[in-house]
Amino acid sequence: MISTIIGPPTAPRTGQALPPPVPPELNDIDQEILVALREPGGPTKDMWRILNRLAAESGAGDREDLRNRRREYLDRLQRLIRLKVVVRVRSGLIRLATTGDGGPTGRKARRRDSSGPDMGFTVEGCSRHRKTERRAVFVA
């Protein structure tokens, strides 16, 4: 029986503590977006209403200036989404991220297949190209 295993000196070390993650640097536009998301009216907000309102409040002069400001706000919002500070709820809706959203760890929730959780049943006779009778069979 082996009680201790020692790796070669060239083997990579494991178990070392990683330094804490560096919080993202936020500029003035990022702060404006986050303040707009914290405003009352429910947790989810319409992304384009926020961007249009912030661009209009920035004092843009003509249409081109307004369009450029809107693009600048959109770029910063997309950065916040990539950093997982802001989360897309569905098309056009965003909200601030919470602790259960996967966070900046980069781990994603595992997808379940379309059949749902495994309950000990299998489906026999399935075929993509032929119509066959499907029946559930309990597997012990």
Protein backbone atom coordinates (compact mmCIF):
# COMPACT_ATOMS: atom_id res chain seq x y z
CA MET A 1 0.00 0.00 0.00
CA ILE A 2 1.29 3.42 -0.97
CA SER A 3 0.67 6.10 1.61
CA THR A 4 2.41 9.08 -0.01
CA ILE A 5 2.74 10.01 -3.66
CA ILE A 6 5.35 12.54 -4.63
CA GLY A 7 5.34 13.99 -8.11
CA PRO A 8 8.42 14.90 -10.10
CA PRO A 9 9.94 18.33 -9.44
CA THR A 10 8.83 19.55 -12.88
CA ALA A 11 5.15 18.75 -12.23
CA PRO A 12 2.85 21.78 -11.93
CA ARG A 13 1.78 22.67 -8.41
CA THR A 14 -1.90 22.39 -7.56
CA GLY A 15 -3.92 23.69 -4.67
CA GLN A 16 -2.32 27.09 -4.58
CA ALA A 17 -4.67 29.91 -3.69
CA LEU A 18 -5.48 32.27 -6.52
CA PRO A 19 -5.34 36.00 -5.90
CA PRO A 20 -8.76 37.62 -5.44
CA PRO A 21 -10.33 38.86 -8.67
CA VAL A 22 -9.73 42.49 -9.51
CA PRO A 23 -13.00 44.43 -9.65
CA PRO A 24 -13.66 46.05 -13.02
CA GLU A 25 -12.85 49.72 -13.42
CA LEU A 26 -15.99 51.76 -14.01
CA ASN A 27 -15.96 55.10 -15.77
CA ASP A 28 -18.62 57.84 -15.67
CA ILE A 29 -20.77 56.22 -18.38
CA ASP A 30 -20.73 52.89 -16.52
CA GLN A 31 -21.81 54.68 -13.35
CA GLU A 32 -24.67 56.43 -15.19
CA ILE A 33 -25.92 53.10 -16.55
CA LEU A 34 -25.77 51.44 -13.14
CA VAL A 35 -27.62 54.37 -11.50
CA ALA A 36 -30.32 54.14 -14.19
CA LEU A 37 -30.71 50.41 -13.49
CA ARG A 38 -31.08 51.06 -9.75
CA GLU A 39 -33.96 53.51 -10.25
CA PRO A 40 -37.36 52.42 -8.95
CA GLY A 41 -39.80 50.72 -11.29
CA GLY A 42 -38.99 47.05 -11.05
CA PRO A 43 -35.76 45.09 -11.40
CA THR A 44 -35.84 44.74 -15.19
CA LYS A 45 -35.51 47.73 -17.48
CA ASP A 46 -35.89 48.29 -21.20
CA MET A 47 -32.34 48.56 -22.54
CA TRP A 48 -33.09 50.99 -25.37
CA ARG A 49 -35.19 53.33 -23.21
CA ILE A 50 -32.28 53.66 -20.82
CA LEU A 51 -29.74 54.18 -23.61
CA ASN A 52 -31.90 56.75 -25.43
CA ARG A 53 -32.64 58.66 -22.24
CA LEU A 54 -29.00 58.74 -21.10
CA ALA A 55 -27.82 59.83 -24.55
CA ALA A 56 -30.43 62.61 -24.65
CA GLU A 57 -29.49 63.78 -21.14
CA SER A 58 -25.81 63.92 -22.11
CA GLY A 59 -26.46 67.11 -24.05
CA ALA A 60 -25.91 65.80 -27.56
CA GLY A 61 -26.57 68.49 -30.17
CA ASP A 62 -27.63 67.11 -33.54
CA ARG A 63 -28.77 63.65 -34.65
CA GLU A 64 -25.28 62.44 -35.48
CA ASP A 65 -24.01 63.49 -32.08
CA LEU A 66 -26.95 61.74 -30.41
CA ARG A 67 -26.33 58.56 -32.43
CA ASN A 68 -22.63 58.56 -31.49
CA ARG A 69 -23.46 59.02 -27.79
CA ARG A 70 -26.00 56.18 -27.98
CA ARG A 71 -23.35 53.91 -29.53
CA GLU A 72 -20.90 54.88 -26.80
CA TYR A 73 -23.46 54.00 -24.12
CA LEU A 74 -24.27 50.73 -25.92
CA ASP A 75 -20.57 49.77 -26.04
CA ARG A 76 -20.22 50.39 -22.31
CA LEU A 77 -23.41 48.45 -21.56
CA GLN A 78 -22.15 45.49 -23.60
CA ARG A 79 -18.91 45.60 -21.60
CA LEU A 80 -20.91 45.50 -18.36
CA ILE A 81 -22.83 42.50 -19.71
CA ARG A 82 -19.56 40.72 -20.57
CA LEU A 83 -18.26 41.45 -17.05
CA LYS A 84 -21.55 40.03 -15.70
CA VAL A 85 -22.36 43.21 -13.79
CA VAL A 86 -25.53 43.51 -15.90
CA VAL A 87 -27.58 40.54 -17.14
CA ARG A 88 -29.85 40.24 -20.18
CA VAL A 89 -33.21 38.93 -19.04
CA ARG A 90 -34.60 38.49 -22.54
CA SER A 91 -34.60 40.45 -25.76
CA GLY A 92 -34.33 44.14 -24.93
CA LEU A 93 -34.57 43.74 -21.13
CA ILE A 94 -31.68 44.01 -18.71
CA ARG A 95 -31.15 44.08 -14.96
CA LEU A 96 -28.34 44.22 -12.44
CA ALA A 97 -26.70 40.87 -11.79
CA THR A 98 -27.37 39.04 -8.54
CA THR A 99 -25.37 36.35 -6.77
CA GLY A 100 -27.30 33.50 -8.42
CA ASP A 101 -26.53 34.59 -11.99
CA GLY A 102 -23.28 32.69 -12.39
CA GLY A 103 -21.23 35.77 -11.56
CA PRO A 104 -17.77 36.50 -12.87
CA THR A 105 -16.58 32.92 -12.27
CA GLY A 106 -17.47 32.04 -15.85
CA ARG A 107 -19.35 28.88 -14.84
CA LYS A 108 -22.58 28.29 -16.64
CA ALA A 109 -25.49 26.24 -15.46
CA ARG A 110 -25.68 22.80 -17.01
CA ARG A 111 -28.44 22.40 -19.56
CA ARG A 112 -30.95 19.68 -19.07
CA ASP A 113 -31.97 17.72 -22.08
CA SER A 114 -35.51 18.19 -23.36
CA SER A 115 -36.80 15.06 -21.64
CA GLY A 116 -36.40 16.60 -18.20
CA PRO A 117 -34.80 15.02 -15.14
CA ASP A 118 -33.90 11.36 -15.24
CA MET A 119 -36.62 9.43 -13.42
CA GLY A 120 -35.42 5.93 -14.27
CA PHE A 121 -37.36 5.71 -17.53
CA THR A 122 -36.11 5.23 -21.05
CA VAL A 123 -38.05 5.65 -24.26
CA GLU A 124 -37.92 2.70 -26.62
CA GLY A 125 -38.70 2.69 -30.30
CA CYS A 126 -37.69 6.29 -31.00
CA SER A 127 -36.54 7.10 -34.48
CA ARG A 128 -36.02 10.44 -36.12
CA HIS A 129 -36.97 9.29 -39.60
CA ARG A 130 -39.65 6.65 -39.05
CA LYS A 131 -42.86 6.88 -37.12
CA THR A 132 -42.74 4.22 -34.46
CA GLU A 133 -44.66 3.65 -31.32
CA ARG A 134 -43.11 5.25 -28.27
CA ARG A 135 -43.45 3.62 -24.92
CA ALA A 136 -41.83 4.38 -21.61
CA VAL A 137 -40.09 1.45 -19.95
CA PHE A 138 -39.01 1.54 -16.33
CA VAL A 139 -35.33 0.66 -15.91
CA ALA A 140 -34.51 -0.85 -12.52
